[in-house]
Amino acid sequence: MSYLGRSAKLSLKAQEKVSFLATAGQTVKTGLSYTPSFIEVYVNGVLLTDTTDYTATNGNSVTFTVALLLNDEVTVISLKTFTVADHYTKSDADTLLAAKSPLASPVFTGNVSHGDNVKAKFGTGNDLEIFHDGTHSRIKDVGTGHLVLSGGEVHFNNSDNTSNHLVINSAGIVTKPLQPAFSVSRSHAAQENIIINTGVIINYDNEHFDNNSDFNLSTSEFTAPVTGKYQLNAMVRLDNIDTASTHTRVDLFTSNSVYKSIIEPKFTSDPAYFTFNVVVLADMDAGDIAYVQVVQSGGTSQTDVTVSTQYQNFSGFLVC
């Protein structure tokens, strides 16, 4: 007799094997032990087809559809079932992944394709979003700020995307529109007859620019918003300096130090004017102040701080 073979059903299982030689015309083999549907029957090395070539439903015998020939070699393999003693369920694995993975709950909104408003959102609270707004590509830390990529430029913007904090243009030029910087001058009445031996603060009333409003025109003081190194520059024109004074100087005063430009006015006569310059890279802490003052030691109280936007300037900016 001949049989069509088929692939093994449950390999890699625990098994019991019973082999015997058939008698002529034998159709039943008893004395077996198996679990229905977990059995393989071979005749002369050929795997038989269950329900077609044999019937095995009672767990202890096999009935062959076609009678066996004398000395046919028959092998019955009983595949034993088993259970895993210790294992993770799908629910266990989901719980473990949710607890351990930093990206356990990503949320994607919009169309997952090229186009407007494609977003990838991660985490909770201040979420990170990566998207295209129809004009620019953006990386947004919600509640903190935007990184905008556009036309070869890089912009770091504020949280509501209304102002630029830093811009790198396509030529590689970096601008920082909110970097602390100021420039002021004088345009109102002269400060006349400087008091002897007393520091007189120069009053500035003309503001050319003041990023972040760090300069106070009412006090003529600059307040450092953050700790850092500040470039400070003062140009002061004084009129009618008295040659009888011991010295005349301009101080650029900061909370940490005082920087001076000084002369001993031993001229043949009182000069009509003289210009002082103080330029310094100053160390300032957040909240420190800087201002400009004039000091005359001795002589007559006749020196004036002139009216001039060209000769009375005070400026500064944060370097690092």
C-alpha atoms as a PDB file:
ATOM      1  CA  MET A   1       0.000   0.000   0.000  1.00  0.00           C
ATOM      2  CA  SER A   2       1.125   3.610  -0.459  1.00  0.00           C
ATOM      3  CA  TYR A   3       0.404   6.832   1.422  1.00  0.00           C
ATOM      4  CA  LEU A   4       0.793  10.537   0.718  1.00  0.00           C
ATOM      5  CA  GLY A   5       3.181  12.119   3.214  1.00  0.00           C
ATOM      6  CA  ARG A   6       2.617  15.389   5.180  1.00  0.00           C
ATOM      7  CA  SER A   7       4.728  17.572   7.402  1.00  0.00           C
ATOM      8  CA  ALA A   8       5.114  16.774  11.077  1.00  0.00           C
ATOM      9  CA  LYS A   9       2.562  18.448  13.333  1.00  0.00           C
ATOM     10  CA  LEU A  10       4.205  19.384  16.630  1.00  0.00           C
ATOM     11  CA  SER A  11       7.923  18.885  16.562  1.00  0.00           C
ATOM     12  CA  LEU A  12      10.020  19.904  19.566  1.00  0.00           C
ATOM     13  CA  LYS A  13       7.396  18.336  21.880  1.00  0.00           C
ATOM     14  CA  ALA A  14       7.892  15.601  24.468  1.00  0.00           C
ATOM     15  CA  GLN A  15       6.890  12.302  22.842  1.00  0.00           C
ATOM     16  CA  GLU A  16       6.389   8.561  23.220  1.00  0.00           C
ATOM     17  CA  LYS A  17       7.127   6.185  20.335  1.00  0.00           C
ATOM     18  CA  VAL A  18       5.723   2.699  19.755  1.00  0.00           C
ATOM     19  CA  SER A  19       7.020   0.621  16.798  1.00  0.00           C
ATOM     20  CA  PHE A  20       5.803  -2.760  15.614  1.00  0.00           C
ATOM     21  CA  LEU A  21       5.566  -5.046  12.532  1.00  0.00           C
ATOM     22  CA  ALA A  22       2.055  -5.469  11.151  1.00  0.00           C
ATOM     23  CA  THR A  23       0.338  -8.786  10.641  1.00  0.00           C
ATOM     24  CA  ALA A  24      -1.283  -9.530   7.312  1.00  0.00           C
ATOM     25  CA  GLY A  25      -4.549  -7.581   6.978  1.00  0.00           C
ATOM     26  CA  GLN A  26      -4.155  -5.828  10.347  1.00  0.00           C
ATOM     27  CA  THR A  27      -6.429  -2.746  10.649  1.00  0.00           C
ATOM     28  CA  VAL A  28      -6.277  -1.897  14.365  1.00  0.00           C
ATOM     29  CA  LYS A  29      -3.470  -1.328  16.839  1.00  0.00           C
ATOM     30  CA  THR A  30      -4.442  -1.243  20.513  1.00  0.00           C
ATOM     31  CA  GLY A  31      -2.621  -0.724  23.795  1.00  0.00           C
ATOM     32  CA  LEU A  32      -1.553   2.813  22.954  1.00  0.00           C
ATOM     33  CA  SER A  33      -1.712   5.974  25.051  1.00  0.00           C
ATOM     34  CA  TYR A  34      -2.076   9.345  23.333  1.00  0.00           C
ATOM     35  CA  THR A  35      -3.989  12.603  23.328  1.00  0.00           C
ATOM     36  CA  PRO A  36      -6.329  12.859  20.304  1.00  0.00           C
ATOM     37  CA  SER A  37      -4.961  15.186  17.617  1.00  0.00           C
ATOM     38  CA  PHE A  38      -1.468  14.903  19.185  1.00  0.00           C
ATOM     39  CA  ILE A  39      -0.355  11.769  17.375  1.00  0.00           C
ATOM     40  CA  GLU A  40       1.755  10.892  14.318  1.00  0.00           C
ATOM     41  CA  VAL A  41       1.574   7.544  12.537  1.00  0.00           C
ATOM     42  CA  TYR A  42       4.250   6.300  10.115  1.00  0.00           C
ATOM     43  CA  VAL A  43       4.088   3.193   7.890  1.00  0.00           C
ATOM     44  CA  ASN A  44       7.365   2.169   6.307  1.00  0.00           C
ATOM     45  CA  GLY A  45       8.702   5.667   7.049  1.00  0.00           C
ATOM     46  CA  VAL A  46       5.774   7.488   5.427  1.00  0.00           C
ATOM     47  CA  LEU A  47       3.773   9.866   7.615  1.00  0.00           C
ATOM     48  CA  LEU A  48       0.061   9.076   7.333  1.00  0.00           C
ATOM     49  CA  THR A  49      -2.729  11.646   7.168  1.00  0.00           C
ATOM     50  CA  ASP A  50      -5.034  11.787  10.177  1.00  0.00           C
ATOM     51  CA  THR A  51      -8.743  10.942   9.428  1.00  0.00           C
ATOM     52  CA  THR A  52      -7.783  10.022   5.859  1.00  0.00           C
ATOM     53  CA  ASP A  53      -5.303   7.189   6.396  1.00  0.00           C
ATOM     54  CA  TYR A  54      -6.255   6.335   9.974  1.00  0.00           C
ATOM     55  CA  THR A  55      -8.598   7.216  12.836  1.00  0.00           C
ATOM     56  CA  ALA A  56      -7.279   7.958  16.331  1.00  0.00           C
ATOM     57  CA  THR A  57      -9.900   9.429  18.645  1.00  0.00           C
ATOM     58  CA  ASN A  58     -10.142   7.269  21.792  1.00  0.00           C
ATOM     59  CA  GLY A  59      -6.617   7.740  23.165  1.00  0.00           C
ATOM     60  CA  ASN A  60      -5.662   4.033  23.170  1.00  0.00           C
ATOM     61  CA  SER A  61      -6.064   2.582  19.631  1.00  0.00           C
ATOM     62  CA  VAL A  62      -5.502   3.434  15.983  1.00  0.00           C
ATOM     63  CA  THR A  63      -7.727   2.139  13.168  1.00  0.00           C
ATOM     64  CA  PHE A  64      -6.171   2.065   9.703  1.00  0.00           C
ATOM     65  CA  THR A  65      -8.320   2.918   6.681  1.00  0.00           C
ATOM     66  CA  VAL A  66      -6.477   0.391   4.484  1.00  0.00           C
ATOM     67  CA  ALA A  67      -5.417  -2.958   5.950  1.00  0.00           C
ATOM     68  CA  LEU A  68      -1.701  -3.315   6.597  1.00  0.00           C
ATOM     69  CA  LEU A  69       0.535  -5.797   4.813  1.00  0.00           C
ATOM     70  CA  LEU A  70       2.573  -8.421   6.545  1.00  0.00           C
ATOM     71  CA  ASN A  71       5.641  -6.968   8.230  1.00  0.00           C
ATOM     72  CA  ASP A  72       4.774  -3.372   7.417  1.00  0.00           C
ATOM     73  CA  GLU A  73       6.914  -1.283   9.795  1.00  0.00           C
ATOM     74  CA  VAL A  74       4.558   0.892  11.854  1.00  0.00           C
ATOM     75  CA  THR A  75       5.592   3.664  14.223  1.00  0.00           C
ATOM     76  CA  VAL A  76       3.117   5.572  16.400  1.00  0.00           C
ATOM     77  CA  ILE A  77       4.428   8.739  18.029  1.00  0.00           C
ATOM     78  CA  SER A  78       2.339  10.278  20.787  1.00  0.00           C
ATOM     79  CA  LEU A  79       3.098  13.996  21.225  1.00  0.00           C
ATOM     80  CA  LYS A  80       2.739  14.969  24.861  1.00  0.00           C
ATOM     81  CA  THR A  81       1.280  18.364  25.748  1.00  0.00           C
ATOM     82  CA  PHE A  82       2.856  20.578  28.439  1.00  0.00           C
ATOM     83  CA  THR A  83       2.418  23.994  30.041  1.00  0.00           C
ATOM     84  CA  VAL A  84       4.987  26.670  30.864  1.00  0.00           C
ATOM     85  CA  ALA A  85       5.483  26.861  34.619  1.00  0.00           C
ATOM     86  CA  ASP A  86       6.622  30.547  34.765  1.00  0.00           C
ATOM     87  CA  HIS A  87       5.931  33.087  32.030  1.00  0.00           C
ATOM     88  CA  TYR A  88       4.768  36.627  31.176  1.00  0.00           C
ATOM     89  CA  THR A  89       1.277  37.202  29.829  1.00  0.00           C
ATOM     90  CA  LYS A  90       0.611  39.919  27.258  1.00  0.00           C
ATOM     91  CA  SER A  91      -0.859  42.060  30.051  1.00  0.00           C
ATOM     92  CA  ASP A  92       2.314  41.557  32.131  1.00  0.00           C
ATOM     93  CA  ALA A  93       4.506  42.569  29.178  1.00  0.00           C
ATOM     94  CA  ASP A  94       2.409  45.674  28.440  1.00  0.00           C
ATOM     95  CA  THR A  95       2.676  46.770  32.068  1.00  0.00           C
ATOM     96  CA  LEU A  96       6.441  46.223  32.088  1.00  0.00           C
ATOM     97  CA  LEU A  97       6.974  48.199  28.873  1.00  0.00           C
ATOM     98  CA  ALA A  98       4.812  51.082  30.097  1.00  0.00           C
ATOM     99  CA  ALA A  99       6.864  51.334  33.299  1.00  0.00           C
ATOM    100  CA  LYS A 100      10.330  51.064  31.705  1.00  0.00           C
ATOM    101  CA  SER A 101      10.194  52.707  28.282  1.00  0.00           C
ATOM    102  CA  PRO A 102      10.753  56.533  28.085  1.00  0.00           C
ATOM    103  CA  LEU A 103       8.615  56.536  24.932  1.00  0.00           C
ATOM    104  CA  ALA A 104       5.968  54.174  26.260  1.00  0.00           C
ATOM    105  CA  SER A 105       3.024  56.287  25.148  1.00  0.00           C
ATOM    106  CA  PRO A 106       3.852  58.208  21.950  1.00  0.00           C
ATOM    107  CA  VAL A 107       0.913  60.045  20.399  1.00  0.00           C
ATOM    108  CA  PHE A 108       0.964  60.918  16.687  1.00  0.00           C
ATOM    109  CA  THR A 109      -1.496  63.455  15.315  1.00  0.00           C
ATOM    110  CA  GLY A 110      -2.098  64.767  11.822  1.00  0.00           C
ATOM    111  CA  ASN A 111      -1.319  62.949   8.587  1.00  0.00           C
ATOM    112  CA  VAL A 112       1.645  60.618   8.740  1.00  0.00           C
ATOM    113  CA  SER A 113       2.946  61.860   5.399  1.00  0.00           C
ATOM    114  CA  HIS A 114       4.580  64.970   3.942  1.00  0.00           C
ATOM    115  CA  GLY A 115       2.367  67.985   4.412  1.00  0.00           C
ATOM    116  CA  ASP A 116       1.027  70.493   6.877  1.00  0.00           C
ATOM    117  CA  ASN A 117       0.544  69.850  10.586  1.00  0.00           C
ATOM    118  CA  VAL A 118       2.347  66.540  10.794  1.00  0.00           C
ATOM    119  CA  LYS A 119       3.210  66.123  14.465  1.00  0.00           C
ATOM    120  CA  ALA A 120       5.084  63.652  16.606  1.00  0.00           C
ATOM    121  CA  LYS A 121       4.245  64.179  20.265  1.00  0.00           C
ATOM    122  CA  PHE A 122       6.197  62.608  23.109  1.00  0.00           C
ATOM    123  CA  GLY A 123       5.618  62.438  26.858  1.00  0.00           C
ATOM    124  CA  THR A 124       3.355  64.490  29.061  1.00  0.00           C
ATOM    125  CA  GLY A 125       3.513  67.991  30.522  1.00  0.00           C
ATOM    126  CA  ASN A 126       5.906  70.045  28.405  1.00  0.00           C
ATOM    127  CA  ASP A 127       5.563  67.807  25.333  1.00  0.00           C
ATOM    128  CA  LEU A 128       7.983  67.795  22.427  1.00  0.00           C
ATOM    129  CA  GLU A 129       6.370  68.241  19.011  1.00  0.00           C
ATOM    130  CA  ILE A 130       8.035  67.887  15.621  1.00  0.00           C
ATOM    131  CA  PHE A 131       5.924  69.240  12.788  1.00  0.00           C
ATOM    132  CA  HIS A 132       5.627  71.387   9.666  1.00  0.00           C
ATOM    133  CA  ASP A 133       3.323  74.388   9.824  1.00  0.00           C
ATOM    134  CA  GLY A 134       2.929  74.800   6.067  1.00  0.00           C
ATOM    135  CA  THR A 135       5.874  77.203   5.800  1.00  0.00           C
ATOM    136  CA  HIS A 136       8.535  76.136   8.304  1.00  0.00           C
ATOM    137  CA  SER A 137       9.729  72.954   9.931  1.00  0.00           C
ATOM    138  CA  ARG A 138       9.505  73.248  13.713  1.00  0.00           C
ATOM    139  CA  ILE A 139      10.681  71.438  16.816  1.00  0.00           C
ATOM    140  CA  LYS A 140       8.592  72.690  19.715  1.00  0.00           C
ATOM    141  CA  ASP A 141       9.004  72.114  23.442  1.00  0.00           C
ATOM    142  CA  VAL A 142       5.466  73.013  24.487  1.00  0.00           C
ATOM    143  CA  GLY A 143       5.457  75.859  27.008  1.00  0.00           C
ATOM    144  CA  THR A 144       9.160  76.605  26.485  1.00  0.00           C
ATOM    145  CA  GLY A 145      10.013  77.524  22.893  1.00  0.00           C
ATOM    146  CA  HIS A 146      10.365  76.674  19.216  1.00  0.00           C
ATOM    147  CA  LEU A 147      13.291  75.618  17.064  1.00  0.00           C
ATOM    148  CA  VAL A 148      12.368  76.756  13.536  1.00  0.00           C
ATOM    149  CA  LEU A 149      14.146  75.575  10.378  1.00  0.00           C
ATOM    150  CA  SER A 150      13.429  77.662   7.296  1.00  0.00           C
ATOM    151  CA  GLY A 151      15.302  78.438   4.076  1.00  0.00           C
ATOM    152  CA  GLY A 152      18.672  77.465   5.479  1.00  0.00           C
ATOM    153  CA  GLU A 153      18.083  79.528   8.638  1.00  0.00           C
ATOM    154  CA  VAL A 154      17.739  78.376  12.235  1.00  0.00           C
ATOM    155  CA  HIS A 155      15.551  80.325  14.669  1.00  0.00           C
ATOM    156  CA  PHE A 156      15.158  79.795  18.405  1.00  0.00           C
ATOM    157  CA  ASN A 157      11.845  81.438  19.322  1.00  0.00           C
ATOM    158  CA  ASN A 158       9.856  82.033  22.498  1.00  0.00           C
ATOM    159  CA  SER A 159       7.055  79.754  23.712  1.00  0.00           C
ATOM    160  CA  ASP A 160       4.258  81.456  21.748  1.00  0.00           C
ATOM    161  CA  ASN A 161       6.515  81.900  18.700  1.00  0.00           C
ATOM    162  CA  THR A 162       6.098  85.701  18.625  1.00  0.00           C
ATOM    163  CA  SER A 163       9.764  86.699  18.884  1.00  0.00           C
ATOM    164  CA  ASN A 164      13.212  85.419  17.951  1.00  0.00           C
ATOM    165  CA  HIS A 165      15.676  84.676  20.723  1.00  0.00           C
ATOM    166  CA  LEU A 166      18.507  83.670  18.378  1.00  0.00           C
ATOM    167  CA  VAL A 167      18.839  83.517  14.592  1.00  0.00           C
ATOM    168  CA  ILE A 168      21.503  81.838  12.449  1.00  0.00           C
ATOM    169  CA  ASN A 169      20.955  82.967   8.866  1.00  0.00           C
ATOM    170  CA  SER A 170      21.929  81.142   5.690  1.00  0.00           C
ATOM    171  CA  ALA A 171      25.292  82.980   5.640  1.00  0.00           C
ATOM    172  CA  GLY A 172      26.097  81.691   9.133  1.00  0.00           C
ATOM    173  CA  ILE A 173      25.627  85.109  10.775  1.00  0.00           C
ATOM    174  CA  VAL A 174      24.298  84.855  14.340  1.00  0.00           C
ATOM    175  CA  THR A 175      22.014  87.553  15.764  1.00  0.00           C
ATOM    176  CA  LYS A 176      20.489  87.661  19.236  1.00  0.00           C
ATOM    177  CA  PRO A 177      17.683  90.262  19.215  1.00  0.00           C
ATOM    178  CA  LEU A 178      17.089  90.018  22.968  1.00  0.00           C
ATOM    179  CA  GLN A 179      20.754  90.095  24.019  1.00  0.00           C
ATOM    180  CA  PRO A 180      21.205  92.743  26.757  1.00  0.00           C
ATOM    181  CA  ALA A 181      22.439  95.925  25.045  1.00  0.00           C
ATOM    182  CA  PHE A 182      21.847  99.663  25.457  1.00  0.00           C
ATOM    183  CA  SER A 183      22.988 103.027  24.136  1.00  0.00           C
ATOM    184  CA  VAL A 184      22.053 106.403  25.683  1.00  0.00           C
ATOM    185  CA  SER A 185      23.145 110.033  25.368  1.00  0.00           C
ATOM    186  CA  ARG A 186      22.366 113.517  26.728  1.00  0.00           C
ATOM    187  CA  SER A 187      20.198 116.158  25.086  1.00  0.00           C
ATOM    188  CA  HIS A 188      18.756 118.179  27.970  1.00  0.00           C
ATOM    189  CA  ALA A 189      20.262 121.080  29.914  1.00  0.00           C
ATOM    190  CA  ALA A 190      23.925 121.054  30.914  1.00  0.00           C
ATOM    191  CA  GLN A 191      24.965 119.918  34.368  1.00  0.00           C
ATOM    192  CA  GLU A 192      26.822 123.057  35.376  1.00  0.00           C
ATOM    193  CA  ASN A 193      29.389 123.831  38.052  1.00  0.00           C
ATOM    194  CA  ILE A 194      30.195 120.287  39.173  1.00  0.00           C
ATOM    195  CA  ILE A 195      30.414 120.137  42.967  1.00  0.00           C
ATOM    196  CA  ILE A 196      33.991 119.840  44.200  1.00  0.00           C
ATOM    197  CA  ASN A 197      35.170 116.550  45.713  1.00  0.00           C
ATOM    198  CA  THR A 198      31.815 114.869  45.086  1.00  0.00           C
ATOM    199  CA  GLY A 199      30.916 112.204  42.538  1.00  0.00           C
ATOM    200  CA  VAL A 200      28.225 113.681  40.277  1.00  0.00           C
ATOM    201  CA  ILE A 201      26.263 111.129  38.248  1.00  0.00           C
ATOM    202  CA  ILE A 202      25.813 112.104  34.607  1.00  0.00           C
ATOM    203  CA  ASN A 203      22.168 112.271  33.627  1.00  0.00           C
ATOM    204  CA  TYR A 204      21.179 110.586  30.361  1.00  0.00           C
ATOM    205  CA  ASP A 205      17.782 111.292  28.817  1.00  0.00           C
ATOM    206  CA  ASN A 206      18.143 110.168  25.189  1.00  0.00           C
ATOM    207  CA  GLU A 207      17.745 106.411  24.644  1.00  0.00           C
ATOM    208  CA  HIS A 208      18.903 105.104  21.252  1.00  0.00           C
ATOM    209  CA  PHE A 209      18.081 101.485  22.098  1.00  0.00           C
ATOM    210  CA  ASP A 210      17.656  99.348  25.187  1.00  0.00           C
ATOM    211  CA  ASN A 211      17.047  95.629  24.681  1.00  0.00           C
ATOM    212  CA  ASN A 212      14.923  94.245  27.521  1.00  0.00           C
ATOM    213  CA  SER A 213      14.618  97.698  29.204  1.00  0.00           C
ATOM    214  CA  ASP A 214      17.677  97.241  31.424  1.00  0.00           C
ATOM    215  CA  PHE A 215      18.607 100.967  31.464  1.00  0.00           C
ATOM    216  CA  ASN A 216      16.683 103.269  33.810  1.00  0.00           C
ATOM    217  CA  LEU A 217      16.544 106.842  32.440  1.00  0.00           C
ATOM    218  CA  SER A 218      15.243 108.200  35.736  1.00  0.00           C
ATOM    219  CA  THR A 219      18.389 107.079  37.594  1.00  0.00           C
ATOM    220  CA  SER A 220      20.801 106.876  34.599  1.00  0.00           C
ATOM    221  CA  GLU A 221      21.755 103.354  35.692  1.00  0.00           C
ATOM    222  CA  PHE A 222      22.139 100.099  33.792  1.00  0.00           C
ATOM    223  CA  THR A 223      21.162  96.945  35.698  1.00  0.00           C
ATOM    224  CA  ALA A 224      22.711  93.662  34.600  1.00  0.00           C
ATOM    225  CA  PRO A 225      19.878  91.150  33.986  1.00  0.00           C
ATOM    226  CA  VAL A 226      22.200  88.121  34.209  1.00  0.00           C
ATOM    227  CA  THR A 227      25.677  87.373  35.525  1.00  0.00           C
ATOM    228  CA  GLY A 228      28.330  87.721  32.831  1.00  0.00           C
ATOM    229  CA  LYS A 229      31.015  89.842  31.177  1.00  0.00           C
ATOM    230  CA  TYR A 230      29.739  93.193  29.903  1.00  0.00           C
ATOM    231  CA  GLN A 231      31.446  95.555  27.461  1.00  0.00           C
ATOM    232  CA  LEU A 232      30.853  99.084  28.800  1.00  0.00           C
ATOM    233  CA  ASN A 233      31.779 102.304  27.012  1.00  0.00           C
ATOM    234  CA  ALA A 234      31.531 105.929  28.191  1.00  0.00           C
ATOM    235  CA  MET A 235      32.478 109.111  26.304  1.00  0.00           C
ATOM    236  CA  VAL A 236      32.138 112.298  28.329  1.00  0.00           C
ATOM    237  CA  ARG A 237      32.856 115.881  27.291  1.00  0.00           C
ATOM    238  CA  LEU A 238      33.551 118.352  30.120  1.00  0.00           C
ATOM    239  CA  ASP A 239      33.662 122.113  29.561  1.00  0.00           C
ATOM    240  CA  ASN A 240      35.468 124.815  31.554  1.00  0.00           C
ATOM    241  CA  ILE A 241      37.769 122.504  33.497  1.00  0.00           C
ATOM    242  CA  ASP A 242      39.597 124.436  36.215  1.00  0.00           C
ATOM    243  CA  THR A 243      43.399 124.212  35.925  1.00  0.00           C
ATOM    244  CA  ALA A 244      43.597 124.883  39.644  1.00  0.00           C
ATOM    245  CA  SER A 245      42.033 121.515  40.474  1.00  0.00           C
ATOM    246  CA  THR A 246      44.230 118.665  41.689  1.00  0.00           C
ATOM    247  CA  HIS A 247      42.673 116.324  39.145  1.00  0.00           C
ATOM    248  CA  THR A 248      39.496 115.805  37.159  1.00  0.00           C
ATOM    249  CA  ARG A 249      38.249 112.365  36.283  1.00  0.00           C
ATOM    250  CA  VAL A 250      35.352 110.358  34.845  1.00  0.00           C
ATOM    251  CA  ASP A 251      34.409 107.136  36.675  1.00  0.00           C
ATOM    252  CA  LEU A 252      32.537 104.231  35.150  1.00  0.00           C
ATOM    253  CA  PHE A 253      31.125 102.779  38.317  1.00  0.00           C
ATOM    254  CA  THR A 254      29.938  99.165  38.700  1.00  0.00           C
ATOM    255  CA  SER A 255      28.924  97.217  41.771  1.00  0.00           C
ATOM    256  CA  ASN A 256      32.120  95.152  41.562  1.00  0.00           C
ATOM    257  CA  SER A 257      34.647  97.838  40.580  1.00  0.00           C
ATOM    258  CA  VAL A 258      35.236 101.417  39.425  1.00  0.00           C
ATOM    259  CA  TYR A 259      37.042 102.204  36.160  1.00  0.00           C
ATOM    260  CA  LYS A 260      38.587 105.689  35.860  1.00  0.00           C
ATOM    261  CA  SER A 261      39.807 108.084  33.183  1.00  0.00           C
ATOM    262  CA  ILE A 262      41.769 110.893  34.890  1.00  0.00           C
ATOM    263  CA  ILE A 263      43.774 114.011  34.029  1.00  0.00           C
ATOM    264  CA  GLU A 264      45.845 116.507  35.999  1.00  0.00           C
ATOM    265  CA  PRO A 265      44.692 119.718  34.266  1.00  0.00           C
ATOM    266  CA  LYS A 266      47.985 121.633  34.291  1.00  0.00           C
ATOM    267  CA  PHE A 267      47.128 123.667  31.228  1.00  0.00           C
ATOM    268  CA  THR A 268      48.239 127.239  30.585  1.00  0.00           C
ATOM    269  CA  SER A 269      44.582 128.241  30.894  1.00  0.00           C
ATOM    270  CA  ASP A 270      41.230 126.643  31.610  1.00  0.00           C
ATOM    271  CA  PRO A 271      40.405 124.469  28.574  1.00  0.00           C
ATOM    272  CA  ALA A 272      37.104 125.152  26.807  1.00  0.00           C
ATOM    273  CA  TYR A 273      36.432 121.409  26.657  1.00  0.00           C
ATOM    274  CA  PHE A 274      38.071 118.027  27.179  1.00  0.00           C
ATOM    275  CA  THR A 275      36.773 114.547  26.228  1.00  0.00           C
ATOM    276  CA  PHE A 276      37.218 111.485  28.458  1.00  0.00           C
ATOM    277  CA  ASN A 277      36.798 107.884  27.326  1.00  0.00           C
ATOM    278  CA  VAL A 278      36.348 104.812  29.515  1.00  0.00           C
ATOM    279  CA  VAL A 279      36.196 101.426  27.759  1.00  0.00           C
ATOM    280  CA  VAL A 280      36.175  98.234  29.811  1.00  0.00           C
ATOM    281  CA  LEU A 281      35.104  94.592  29.835  1.00  0.00           C
ATOM    282  CA  ALA A 282      33.468  94.428  33.255  1.00  0.00           C
ATOM    283  CA  ASP A 283      32.490  91.469  35.411  1.00  0.00           C
ATOM    284  CA  MET A 284      28.912  91.984  36.600  1.00  0.00           C
ATOM    285  CA  ASP A 285      26.535  89.840  38.600  1.00  0.00           C
ATOM    286  CA  ALA A 286      22.800  89.712  38.005  1.00  0.00           C
ATOM    287  CA  GLY A 287      21.301  92.828  39.611  1.00  0.00           C
ATOM    288  CA  ASP A 288      24.570  94.811  39.617  1.00  0.00           C
ATOM    289  CA  ILE A 289      24.345  98.419  38.429  1.00  0.00           C
ATOM    290  CA  ALA A 290      26.611 100.584  36.256  1.00  0.00           C
ATOM    291  CA  TYR A 291      26.621 104.373  35.868  1.00  0.00           C
ATOM    292  CA  VAL A 292      28.963 107.228  34.902  1.00  0.00           C
ATOM    293  CA  GLN A 293      30.053 110.014  37.250  1.00  0.00           C
ATOM    294  CA  VAL A 294      32.336 113.056  37.201  1.00  0.00           C
ATOM    295  CA  VAL A 295      34.698 113.913  40.045  1.00  0.00           C
ATOM    296  CA  GLN A 296      36.747 117.132  40.425  1.00  0.00           C
ATOM    297  CA  SER A 297      39.265 117.327  43.255  1.00  0.00           C
ATOM    298  CA  GLY A 298      39.978 120.874  44.461  1.00  0.00           C
ATOM    299  CA  GLY A 299      39.799 124.080  42.452  1.00  0.00           C
ATOM    300  CA  THR A 300      36.735 126.069  41.626  1.00  0.00           C
ATOM    301  CA  SER A 301      33.254 124.616  41.027  1.00  0.00           C
ATOM    302  CA  GLN A 302      33.040 125.634  37.379  1.00  0.00           C
ATOM    303  CA  THR A 303      33.271 122.405  35.331  1.00  0.00           C
ATOM    304  CA  ASP A 304      30.207 121.603  33.211  1.00  0.00           C
ATOM    305  CA  VAL A 305      28.811 118.415  31.669  1.00  0.00           C
ATOM    306  CA  THR A 306      27.891 119.770  28.270  1.00  0.00           C
ATOM    307  CA  VAL A 307      24.720 119.226  26.261  1.00  0.00           C
ATOM    308  CA  SER A 308      25.665 117.015  23.315  1.00  0.00           C
ATOM    309  CA  THR A 309      24.359 113.751  21.929  1.00  0.00           C
ATOM    310  CA  GLN A 310      27.652 113.429  20.050  1.00  0.00           C
ATOM    311  CA  TYR A 311      30.001 113.745  23.026  1.00  0.00           C
ATOM    312  CA  GLN A 312      27.930 112.347  25.880  1.00  0.00           C
ATOM    313  CA  ASN A 313      27.424 108.638  25.263  1.00  0.00           C
ATOM    314  CA  PHE A 314      27.089 105.590  27.484  1.00  0.00           C
ATOM    315  CA  SER A 315      26.639 102.113  25.983  1.00  0.00           C
ATOM    316  CA  GLY A 316      27.095  98.468  26.829  1.00  0.00           C
ATOM    317  CA  PHE A 317      26.214  94.882  25.956  1.00  0.00           C
ATOM    318  CA  LEU A 318      26.572  91.364  27.308  1.00  0.00           C
ATOM    319  CA  VAL A 319      29.563  89.591  25.762  1.00  0.00           C
ATOM    320  CA  CYS A 320      29.335  86.225  27.474  1.00  0.00           C
END
